[in-house]
Amino acid sequence: PEIQERVYQEIVNEIGADFCELSLRAICLHTLSALNNLHYMELVIKESLRLFPPVPVIARIATEDTELLAERITRGTSVAIDIYTMHHSDDYFPDAERFDPDRFEGARDAQTFNPYTYIPFSAGSRNCIGQKFAQYELKSTLVKLLQRFQIRLADASYVPILKAEIVLKPA
């Protein structure tokens, strides 16, 4: 509830409690600028994508012979990258099972943080072409929802059961 309230207050401060009365052009111009200013919401989205990456596993083909953790990987070998497990690892994210948007606040120490440990949209030259669009879509949807509703679990003890297919989804 506290995190949701903090996001709601950020929405009210940047956009207002409701902007339905604005013209479509005003909404578009105002919203894009305002969406870029929703810093805490961005942290919440990052943490949500860390815990529930849309694509839990990605596959790649090794383009050259290499060694990884004392294992030889030959060119042409299929390699699976388990994003879900990496995002839930205490090695990369202390207290990894706790929802903590503030873990993404500020610059992370480049000495200890490998940017390839947080890859909800993959990384490098083969990352998701639609990630920026998806992030704007997430922000604008959350704005509209939280301007109108307070979201609560009917059962506070509910733990989602997930099914990892091409995309992560409820079982």
N, C-alpha and C. Protein backbone atom coordinates (compact mmCIF):
# COMPACT_ATOMS: atom_id res chain seq x y z
N PRO A 1 0.81 -1.22 0.00
CA PRO A 1 0.00 0.00 0.00
C PRO A 1 0.85 1.28 0.00
N GLU A 2 1.99 1.26 0.71
CA GLU A 2 2.83 2.46 0.79
C GLU A 2 3.46 2.77 -0.56
N ILE A 3 3.90 1.74 -1.25
CA ILE A 3 4.52 1.94 -2.56
C ILE A 3 3.50 2.49 -3.55
N GLN A 4 2.30 1.91 -3.55
CA GLN A 4 1.24 2.38 -4.44
C GLN A 4 0.89 3.84 -4.14
N GLU A 5 0.81 4.19 -2.87
CA GLU A 5 0.49 5.57 -2.48
C GLU A 5 1.59 6.53 -2.96
N ARG A 6 2.83 6.10 -2.84
CA ARG A 6 3.95 6.94 -3.28
C ARG A 6 3.89 7.16 -4.80
N VAL A 7 3.55 6.11 -5.55
CA VAL A 7 3.40 6.24 -7.01
C VAL A 7 2.23 7.17 -7.32
N TYR A 8 1.12 6.99 -6.59
CA TYR A 8 -0.06 7.83 -6.81
C TYR A 8 0.27 9.30 -6.57
N GLN A 9 0.98 9.59 -5.49
CA GLN A 9 1.35 10.98 -5.19
C GLN A 9 2.25 11.56 -6.28
N GLU A 10 3.13 10.74 -6.82
CA GLU A 10 3.98 11.20 -7.91
C GLU A 10 3.13 11.52 -9.14
N ILE A 11 2.13 10.69 -9.42
CA ILE A 11 1.21 10.93 -10.54
C ILE A 11 0.46 12.25 -10.33
N VAL A 12 -0.08 12.44 -9.13
CA VAL A 12 -0.83 13.67 -8.82
C VAL A 12 0.07 14.89 -9.00
N ASN A 13 1.31 14.80 -8.53
CA ASN A 13 2.24 15.93 -8.64
C ASN A 13 2.64 16.23 -10.08
N GLU A 14 2.83 15.20 -10.89
CA GLU A 14 3.32 15.39 -12.26
C GLU A 14 2.21 15.57 -13.29
N ILE A 15 1.08 14.88 -13.09
CA ILE A 15 0.02 14.85 -14.10
C ILE A 15 -1.30 15.40 -13.57
N GLY A 16 -1.59 15.11 -12.31
CA GLY A 16 -2.86 15.51 -11.71
C GLY A 16 -3.67 14.28 -11.36
N ALA A 17 -4.73 14.50 -10.60
CA ALA A 17 -5.57 13.38 -10.18
C ALA A 17 -6.34 12.79 -11.35
N ASP A 18 -6.62 13.63 -12.36
CA ASP A 18 -7.31 13.15 -13.57
C ASP A 18 -7.10 14.20 -14.65
N PHE A 19 -6.85 13.77 -15.87
CA PHE A 19 -6.70 14.75 -16.94
C PHE A 19 -7.61 14.43 -18.12
N CYS A 20 -8.74 13.81 -17.86
CA CYS A 20 -9.69 13.45 -18.93
C CYS A 20 -10.25 14.67 -19.65
N GLU A 21 -10.32 15.81 -18.97
CA GLU A 21 -10.94 16.98 -19.60
C GLU A 21 -10.01 17.67 -20.60
N LEU A 22 -8.75 17.31 -20.66
CA LEU A 22 -7.84 17.92 -21.62
C LEU A 22 -8.10 17.41 -23.03
N SER A 23 -7.75 18.20 -24.02
CA SER A 23 -7.88 17.74 -25.41
C SER A 23 -6.88 16.62 -25.67
N LEU A 24 -7.13 15.84 -26.70
CA LEU A 24 -6.24 14.72 -27.03
C LEU A 24 -4.82 15.22 -27.29
N ARG A 25 -4.66 16.31 -28.01
CA ARG A 25 -3.33 16.86 -28.29
C ARG A 25 -2.64 17.28 -27.00
N ALA A 26 -3.36 17.94 -26.12
CA ALA A 26 -2.78 18.37 -24.84
C ALA A 26 -2.38 17.16 -24.00
N ILE A 27 -3.22 16.13 -24.03
CA ILE A 27 -2.90 14.91 -23.27
C ILE A 27 -1.61 14.31 -23.80
N CYS A 28 -1.48 14.17 -25.12
CA CYS A 28 -0.29 13.56 -25.71
C CYS A 28 0.97 14.34 -25.37
N LEU A 29 0.93 15.65 -25.54
CA LEU A 29 2.11 16.48 -25.26
C LEU A 29 2.43 16.48 -23.77
N HIS A 30 1.42 16.64 -22.96
CA HIS A 30 1.61 16.70 -21.51
C HIS A 30 2.06 15.35 -20.97
N THR A 31 1.44 14.30 -21.47
CA THR A 31 1.70 12.97 -20.93
C THR A 31 3.11 12.50 -21.21
N LEU A 32 3.60 12.66 -22.43
CA LEU A 32 4.94 12.18 -22.75
C LEU A 32 5.97 12.85 -21.85
N SER A 33 5.86 14.15 -21.71
CA SER A 33 6.76 14.87 -20.84
C SER A 33 6.60 14.42 -19.39
N ALA A 34 5.36 14.30 -18.94
CA ALA A 34 5.10 13.89 -17.56
C ALA A 34 5.54 12.46 -17.30
N LEU A 35 5.31 11.57 -18.26
CA LEU A 35 5.72 10.17 -18.08
C LEU A 35 7.22 10.07 -17.84
N ASN A 36 7.98 10.92 -18.51
CA ASN A 36 9.43 10.92 -18.32
C ASN A 36 9.82 11.40 -16.93
N ASN A 37 8.93 12.11 -16.25
CA ASN A 37 9.22 12.62 -14.90
C ASN A 37 8.73 11.70 -13.79
N LEU A 38 8.12 10.57 -14.14
CA LEU A 38 7.61 9.64 -13.12
C LEU A 38 8.74 8.70 -12.68
N HIS A 39 9.69 9.27 -11.95
CA HIS A 39 10.90 8.55 -11.56
C HIS A 39 10.61 7.35 -10.65
N TYR A 40 9.83 7.56 -9.61
CA TYR A 40 9.57 6.46 -8.68
C TYR A 40 8.77 5.35 -9.38
N MET A 41 7.82 5.73 -10.23
CA MET A 41 7.07 4.72 -10.97
C MET A 41 8.02 3.87 -11.81
N GLU A 42 9.02 4.52 -12.39
CA GLU A 42 10.01 3.79 -13.18
C GLU A 42 10.75 2.76 -12.32
N LEU A 43 11.09 3.14 -11.09
CA LEU A 43 11.75 2.20 -10.18
C LEU A 43 10.83 1.02 -9.87
N VAL A 44 9.54 1.30 -9.66
CA VAL A 44 8.56 0.25 -9.37
C VAL A 44 8.44 -0.70 -10.57
N ILE A 45 8.41 -0.15 -11.76
CA ILE A 45 8.33 -0.98 -12.97
C ILE A 45 9.59 -1.82 -13.12
N LYS A 46 10.75 -1.23 -12.89
CA LYS A 46 12.01 -1.99 -12.97
C LYS A 46 12.00 -3.16 -11.99
N GLU A 47 11.57 -2.89 -10.77
CA GLU A 47 11.55 -3.96 -9.77
C GLU A 47 10.52 -5.03 -10.14
N SER A 48 9.39 -4.62 -10.69
CA SER A 48 8.38 -5.59 -11.14
C SER A 48 8.93 -6.46 -12.26
N LEU A 49 9.63 -5.84 -13.20
CA LEU A 49 10.22 -6.59 -14.31
C LEU A 49 11.38 -7.47 -13.85
N ARG A 50 12.03 -7.08 -12.77
CA ARG A 50 13.08 -7.94 -12.21
C ARG A 50 12.45 -9.21 -11.64
N LEU A 51 11.40 -9.04 -10.86
CA LEU A 51 10.76 -10.20 -10.24
C LEU A 51 9.97 -11.04 -11.24
N PHE A 52 9.39 -10.39 -12.23
CA PHE A 52 8.56 -11.09 -13.21
C PHE A 52 8.97 -10.67 -14.63
N PRO A 53 10.16 -11.12 -15.08
CA PRO A 53 10.59 -10.73 -16.42
C PRO A 53 9.63 -11.30 -17.47
N PRO A 54 9.25 -10.50 -18.47
CA PRO A 54 8.28 -10.98 -19.45
C PRO A 54 8.74 -12.25 -20.16
N VAL A 55 10.01 -12.33 -20.48
CA VAL A 55 10.58 -13.52 -21.11
C VAL A 55 11.57 -14.11 -20.10
N PRO A 56 11.22 -15.26 -19.48
CA PRO A 56 12.05 -15.79 -18.40
C PRO A 56 13.37 -16.41 -18.84
N VAL A 57 13.44 -16.89 -20.07
CA VAL A 57 14.65 -17.54 -20.58
C VAL A 57 14.84 -17.11 -22.03
N ILE A 58 16.08 -16.81 -22.38
CA ILE A 58 16.38 -16.52 -23.79
C ILE A 58 17.46 -17.48 -24.26
N ALA A 59 17.48 -17.74 -25.54
CA ALA A 59 18.47 -18.65 -26.11
C ALA A 59 19.32 -17.90 -27.12
N ARG A 60 20.57 -18.27 -27.16
CA ARG A 60 21.51 -17.69 -28.12
C ARG A 60 22.39 -18.82 -28.65
N ILE A 61 23.05 -18.56 -29.76
CA ILE A 61 24.03 -19.48 -30.34
C ILE A 61 25.40 -18.83 -30.18
N ALA A 62 26.35 -19.58 -29.61
CA ALA A 62 27.71 -19.06 -29.44
C ALA A 62 28.31 -18.80 -30.81
N THR A 63 28.82 -17.59 -31.01
CA THR A 63 29.38 -17.23 -32.32
C THR A 63 30.88 -17.50 -32.40
N GLU A 64 31.47 -17.84 -31.26
CA GLU A 64 32.89 -18.19 -31.23
C GLU A 64 33.15 -19.10 -30.04
N ASP A 65 34.26 -19.82 -30.08
CA ASP A 65 34.65 -20.65 -28.95
C ASP A 65 34.96 -19.73 -27.77
N THR A 66 34.53 -20.15 -26.59
CA THR A 66 34.80 -19.34 -25.40
C THR A 66 34.81 -20.24 -24.17
N GLU A 67 35.21 -19.69 -23.06
CA GLU A 67 35.18 -20.41 -21.80
C GLU A 67 34.40 -19.56 -20.81
N LEU A 68 33.48 -20.21 -20.10
CA LEU A 68 32.64 -19.53 -19.14
C LEU A 68 32.60 -20.35 -17.86
N LEU A 69 33.09 -19.79 -16.77
CA LEU A 69 33.14 -20.49 -15.48
C LEU A 69 33.76 -21.87 -15.62
N ALA A 70 34.91 -21.92 -16.28
CA ALA A 70 35.70 -23.14 -16.48
C ALA A 70 35.01 -24.16 -17.39
N GLU A 71 33.95 -23.76 -18.07
CA GLU A 71 33.27 -24.64 -19.04
C GLU A 71 33.58 -24.14 -20.44
N ARG A 72 33.99 -25.06 -21.28
CA ARG A 72 34.28 -24.70 -22.67
C ARG A 72 32.98 -24.72 -23.48
N ILE A 73 32.74 -23.63 -24.19
CA ILE A 73 31.56 -23.52 -25.05
C ILE A 73 32.08 -23.33 -26.47
N THR A 74 31.75 -24.28 -27.33
CA THR A 74 32.25 -24.21 -28.70
C THR A 74 31.29 -23.42 -29.59
N ARG A 75 31.86 -22.83 -30.61
CA ARG A 75 31.08 -22.07 -31.59
C ARG A 75 29.94 -22.94 -32.11
N GLY A 76 28.73 -22.34 -32.19
CA GLY A 76 27.57 -23.07 -32.69
C GLY A 76 26.74 -23.73 -31.60
N THR A 77 27.23 -23.70 -30.37
CA THR A 77 26.49 -24.30 -29.25
C THR A 77 25.30 -23.42 -28.85
N SER A 78 24.15 -24.04 -28.61
CA SER A 78 22.99 -23.31 -28.10
C SER A 78 23.20 -23.04 -26.62
N VAL A 79 22.96 -21.81 -26.22
CA VAL A 79 23.14 -21.41 -24.82
C VAL A 79 21.83 -20.78 -24.34
N ALA A 80 21.34 -21.23 -23.18
CA ALA A 80 20.13 -20.66 -22.59
C ALA A 80 20.53 -19.73 -21.45
N ILE A 81 19.92 -18.57 -21.41
CA ILE A 81 20.17 -17.60 -20.34
C ILE A 81 18.89 -17.52 -19.51
N ASP A 82 18.98 -17.96 -18.27
CA ASP A 82 17.82 -18.01 -17.38
C ASP A 82 17.67 -16.68 -16.65
N ILE A 83 16.96 -15.76 -17.29
CA ILE A 83 16.77 -14.42 -16.75
C ILE A 83 16.04 -14.47 -15.41
N TYR A 84 15.00 -15.29 -15.32
CA TYR A 84 14.20 -15.37 -14.10
C TYR A 84 15.08 -15.73 -12.90
N THR A 85 15.88 -16.77 -13.04
CA THR A 85 16.74 -17.21 -11.93
C THR A 85 17.79 -16.17 -11.60
N MET A 86 18.38 -15.56 -12.63
CA MET A 86 19.38 -14.53 -12.39
C MET A 86 18.78 -13.34 -11.64
N HIS A 87 17.58 -12.93 -12.03
CA HIS A 87 16.91 -11.80 -11.37
C HIS A 87 16.50 -12.13 -9.93
N HIS A 88 16.42 -13.40 -9.60
CA HIS A 88 16.03 -13.82 -8.25
C HIS A 88 17.23 -14.28 -7.42
N SER A 89 18.42 -14.00 -7.89
CA SER A 89 19.63 -14.43 -7.21
C SER A 89 20.11 -13.38 -6.21
N ASP A 90 20.34 -13.83 -4.97
CA ASP A 90 20.89 -12.94 -3.94
C ASP A 90 22.32 -12.50 -4.29
N ASP A 91 22.98 -13.24 -5.17
CA ASP A 91 24.33 -12.84 -5.60
C ASP A 91 24.30 -11.50 -6.33
N TYR A 92 23.22 -11.25 -7.05
CA TYR A 92 23.12 -10.02 -7.84
C TYR A 92 22.18 -8.99 -7.21
N PHE A 93 21.18 -9.47 -6.49
CA PHE A 93 20.17 -8.59 -5.88
C PHE A 93 19.96 -9.03 -4.44
N PRO A 94 20.65 -8.40 -3.49
CA PRO A 94 20.49 -8.78 -2.08
C PRO A 94 19.01 -8.80 -1.67
N ASP A 95 18.65 -9.83 -0.91
CA ASP A 95 17.26 -10.03 -0.48
C ASP A 95 16.36 -10.04 -1.72
N ALA A 96 16.73 -10.88 -2.67
CA ALA A 96 16.15 -10.87 -4.02
C ALA A 96 14.65 -11.12 -4.07
N GLU A 97 14.08 -11.82 -3.11
CA GLU A 97 12.65 -12.11 -3.16
C GLU A 97 11.79 -10.97 -2.62
N ARG A 98 12.43 -9.96 -2.03
CA ARG A 98 11.68 -8.82 -1.49
C ARG A 98 11.46 -7.78 -2.58
N PHE A 99 10.24 -7.27 -2.66
CA PHE A 99 9.91 -6.20 -3.62
C PHE A 99 10.45 -4.89 -3.07
N ASP A 100 11.49 -4.36 -3.71
CA ASP A 100 12.15 -3.15 -3.22
C ASP A 100 12.56 -2.25 -4.39
N PRO A 101 11.65 -1.37 -4.82
CA PRO A 101 11.97 -0.49 -5.94
C PRO A 101 13.20 0.38 -5.69
N ASP A 102 13.47 0.70 -4.43
CA ASP A 102 14.59 1.58 -4.11
C ASP A 102 15.94 0.95 -4.41
N ARG A 103 15.97 -0.36 -4.67
CA ARG A 103 17.25 -0.99 -5.01
C ARG A 103 17.81 -0.42 -6.32
N PHE A 104 16.95 0.17 -7.14
CA PHE A 104 17.39 0.75 -8.41
C PHE A 104 17.66 2.25 -8.32
N GLU A 105 17.52 2.82 -7.15
CA GLU A 105 17.72 4.25 -6.95
C GLU A 105 19.21 4.59 -7.05
N GLY A 106 19.51 5.68 -7.73
CA GLY A 106 20.88 6.17 -7.80
C GLY A 106 21.77 5.31 -8.69
N ALA A 107 22.96 5.78 -8.88
CA ALA A 107 23.93 5.04 -9.69
C ALA A 107 24.43 3.83 -8.91
N ARG A 108 24.41 2.69 -9.57
CA ARG A 108 24.93 1.49 -8.92
C ARG A 108 26.44 1.44 -9.15
N ASP A 109 27.13 0.93 -8.18
CA ASP A 109 28.58 0.87 -8.22
C ASP A 109 29.03 0.01 -9.40
N ALA A 110 29.67 0.63 -10.37
CA ALA A 110 30.12 -0.10 -11.57
C ALA A 110 31.12 -1.20 -11.22
N GLN A 111 31.78 -1.08 -10.08
CA GLN A 111 32.73 -2.10 -9.66
C GLN A 111 32.02 -3.39 -9.26
N THR A 112 30.82 -3.27 -8.68
CA THR A 112 30.13 -4.46 -8.16
C THR A 112 28.89 -4.84 -8.97
N PHE A 113 28.39 -3.94 -9.81
CA PHE A 113 27.17 -4.23 -10.54
C PHE A 113 27.45 -4.46 -12.01
N ASN A 114 27.10 -5.64 -12.49
CA ASN A 114 27.22 -5.96 -13.90
C ASN A 114 25.88 -5.65 -14.55
N PRO A 115 25.82 -4.74 -15.52
CA PRO A 115 24.54 -4.38 -16.13
C PRO A 115 23.83 -5.55 -16.80
N TYR A 116 24.55 -6.63 -17.08
CA TYR A 116 23.93 -7.79 -17.71
C TYR A 116 23.26 -8.71 -16.70
N THR A 117 23.18 -8.30 -15.44
CA THR A 117 22.44 -9.10 -14.45
C THR A 117 20.99 -8.67 -14.37
N TYR A 118 20.65 -7.53 -14.96
CA TYR A 118 19.26 -7.06 -15.02
C TYR A 118 18.91 -6.87 -16.49
N ILE A 119 18.21 -7.87 -17.06
CA ILE A 119 17.94 -7.82 -18.50
C ILE A 119 16.51 -8.29 -18.81
N PRO A 120 15.50 -7.60 -18.31
CA PRO A 120 14.12 -8.04 -18.57
C PRO A 120 13.75 -8.00 -20.05
N PHE A 121 14.47 -7.21 -20.84
CA PHE A 121 14.21 -7.13 -22.28
C PHE A 121 15.41 -7.63 -23.07
N SER A 122 16.21 -8.51 -22.47
CA SER A 122 17.45 -8.98 -23.05
C SER A 122 18.45 -7.82 -23.04
N ALA A 123 19.55 -7.97 -23.76
CA ALA A 123 20.58 -6.93 -23.76
C ALA A 123 21.44 -7.05 -25.01
N GLY A 124 22.20 -6.03 -25.25
CA GLY A 124 23.10 -6.06 -26.40
C GLY A 124 22.36 -5.83 -27.71
N SER A 125 22.98 -6.27 -28.79
CA SER A 125 22.44 -6.00 -30.12
C SER A 125 21.13 -6.74 -30.40
N ARG A 126 20.80 -7.73 -29.60
CA ARG A 126 19.57 -8.50 -29.83
C ARG A 126 18.51 -8.23 -28.75
N ASN A 127 18.60 -7.07 -28.12
CA ASN A 127 17.59 -6.76 -27.09
C ASN A 127 16.25 -6.45 -27.75
N CYS A 128 15.22 -6.35 -26.94
CA CYS A 128 13.86 -6.15 -27.44
C CYS A 128 13.72 -4.79 -28.12
N ILE A 129 13.34 -4.82 -29.37
CA ILE A 129 13.20 -3.59 -30.14
C ILE A 129 12.05 -2.72 -29.59
N GLY A 130 11.09 -3.33 -28.91
CA GLY A 130 9.93 -2.60 -28.41
C GLY A 130 10.00 -2.22 -26.95
N GLN A 131 11.19 -2.31 -26.33
CA GLN A 131 11.25 -2.09 -24.88
C GLN A 131 10.85 -0.67 -24.48
N LYS A 132 11.27 0.35 -25.21
CA LYS A 132 10.88 1.73 -24.86
C LYS A 132 9.37 1.91 -24.98
N PHE A 133 8.80 1.38 -26.06
CA PHE A 133 7.35 1.46 -26.25
C PHE A 133 6.64 0.74 -25.10
N ALA A 134 7.12 -0.46 -24.74
CA ALA A 134 6.51 -1.23 -23.65
C ALA A 134 6.58 -0.46 -22.34
N GLN A 135 7.69 0.21 -22.08
CA GLN A 135 7.83 0.97 -20.84
C GLN A 135 6.88 2.16 -20.81
N TYR A 136 6.71 2.86 -21.93
CA TYR A 136 5.74 3.96 -21.98
C TYR A 136 4.32 3.42 -21.83
N GLU A 137 4.07 2.28 -22.44
CA GLU A 137 2.75 1.66 -22.33
C GLU A 137 2.45 1.29 -20.87
N LEU A 138 3.44 0.70 -20.19
CA LEU A 138 3.28 0.37 -18.77
C LEU A 138 3.00 1.61 -17.94
N LYS A 139 3.79 2.66 -18.15
CA LYS A 139 3.61 3.90 -17.38
C LYS A 139 2.23 4.51 -17.63
N SER A 140 1.84 4.63 -18.89
CA SER A 140 0.55 5.27 -19.18
C SER A 140 -0.62 4.45 -18.65
N THR A 141 -0.52 3.13 -18.72
CA THR A 141 -1.58 2.27 -18.18
C THR A 141 -1.65 2.40 -16.66
N LEU A 142 -0.49 2.39 -16.01
CA LEU A 142 -0.48 2.55 -14.55
C LEU A 142 -1.04 3.90 -14.13
N VAL A 143 -0.72 4.95 -14.87
CA VAL A 143 -1.26 6.27 -14.55
C VAL A 143 -2.77 6.22 -14.58
N LYS A 144 -3.34 5.72 -15.66
CA LYS A 144 -4.81 5.68 -15.79
C LYS A 144 -5.44 4.81 -14.71
N LEU A 145 -4.83 3.67 -14.40
CA LEU A 145 -5.38 2.80 -13.35
C LEU A 145 -5.32 3.46 -11.98
N LEU A 146 -4.14 3.98 -11.63
CA LEU A 146 -3.96 4.52 -10.28
C LEU A 146 -4.64 5.86 -10.07
N GLN A 147 -4.96 6.57 -11.15
CA GLN A 147 -5.75 7.79 -11.00
C GLN A 147 -7.18 7.45 -10.56
N ARG A 148 -7.63 6.27 -10.92
CA ARG A 148 -9.03 5.91 -10.69
C ARG A 148 -9.26 4.86 -9.60
N PHE A 149 -8.25 4.02 -9.36
CA PHE A 149 -8.47 2.89 -8.45
C PHE A 149 -7.32 2.74 -7.46
N GLN A 150 -7.67 2.17 -6.31
CA GLN A 150 -6.68 1.69 -5.37
C GLN A 150 -6.68 0.18 -5.52
N ILE A 151 -5.54 -0.41 -5.76
CA ILE A 151 -5.47 -1.85 -6.03
C ILE A 151 -5.03 -2.58 -4.77
N ARG A 152 -5.83 -3.57 -4.40
CA ARG A 152 -5.52 -4.39 -3.23
C ARG A 152 -5.76 -5.85 -3.56
N LEU A 153 -5.00 -6.73 -2.93
CA LEU A 153 -5.23 -8.16 -3.08
C LEU A 153 -6.45 -8.56 -2.25
N ALA A 154 -7.30 -9.39 -2.81
CA ALA A 154 -8.44 -9.90 -2.04
C ALA A 154 -7.93 -10.79 -0.92
N ASP A 155 -6.85 -11.51 -1.20
CA ASP A 155 -6.23 -12.40 -0.21
C ASP A 155 -4.77 -11.98 -0.07
N ALA A 156 -4.45 -11.37 1.05
CA ALA A 156 -3.10 -10.83 1.27
C ALA A 156 -2.02 -11.91 1.27
N SER A 157 -2.40 -13.16 1.49
CA SER A 157 -1.42 -14.24 1.53
C SER A 157 -1.21 -14.88 0.15
N TYR A 158 -1.90 -14.38 -0.86
CA TYR A 158 -1.81 -14.95 -2.21
C TYR A 158 -0.39 -14.86 -2.77
N VAL A 159 0.10 -15.97 -3.27
CA VAL A 159 1.40 -16.01 -3.95
C VAL A 159 1.13 -16.56 -5.35
N PRO A 160 1.46 -15.80 -6.38
CA PRO A 160 1.15 -16.27 -7.73
C PRO A 160 1.96 -17.51 -8.12
N ILE A 161 1.32 -18.40 -8.83
CA ILE A 161 1.99 -19.56 -9.39
C ILE A 161 2.23 -19.21 -10.86
N LEU A 162 3.47 -19.32 -11.28
CA LEU A 162 3.84 -18.87 -12.61
C LEU A 162 4.13 -20.04 -13.53
N LYS A 163 3.92 -19.80 -14.81
CA LYS A 163 4.19 -20.78 -15.84
C LYS A 163 5.16 -20.13 -16.82
N ALA A 164 6.34 -20.73 -16.96
CA ALA A 164 7.35 -20.17 -17.86
C ALA A 164 7.23 -20.85 -19.22
N GLU A 165 6.69 -20.11 -20.16
CA GLU A 165 6.65 -20.58 -21.55
C GLU A 165 7.50 -19.59 -22.34
N ILE A 166 7.05 -19.19 -23.51
CA ILE A 166 7.80 -18.17 -24.24
C ILE A 166 7.77 -16.88 -23.43
N VAL A 167 6.63 -16.61 -22.79
CA VAL A 167 6.52 -15.49 -21.87
C VAL A 167 6.09 -16.02 -20.51
N LEU A 168 6.42 -15.28 -19.46
CA LEU A 168 6.04 -15.65 -18.10
C LEU A 168 4.59 -15.27 -17.89
N LYS A 169 3.78 -16.21 -17.37
CA LYS A 169 2.36 -15.91 -17.15
C LYS A 169 1.84 -16.70 -15.96
N PRO A 170 0.69 -16.28 -15.41
CA PRO A 170 0.10 -17.04 -14.30
C PRO A 170 -0.27 -18.44 -14.77
N ALA A 171 -0.11 -19.41 -13.89
CA ALA A 171 -0.45 -20.81 -14.24
C ALA A 171 -1.94 -21.02 -14.16
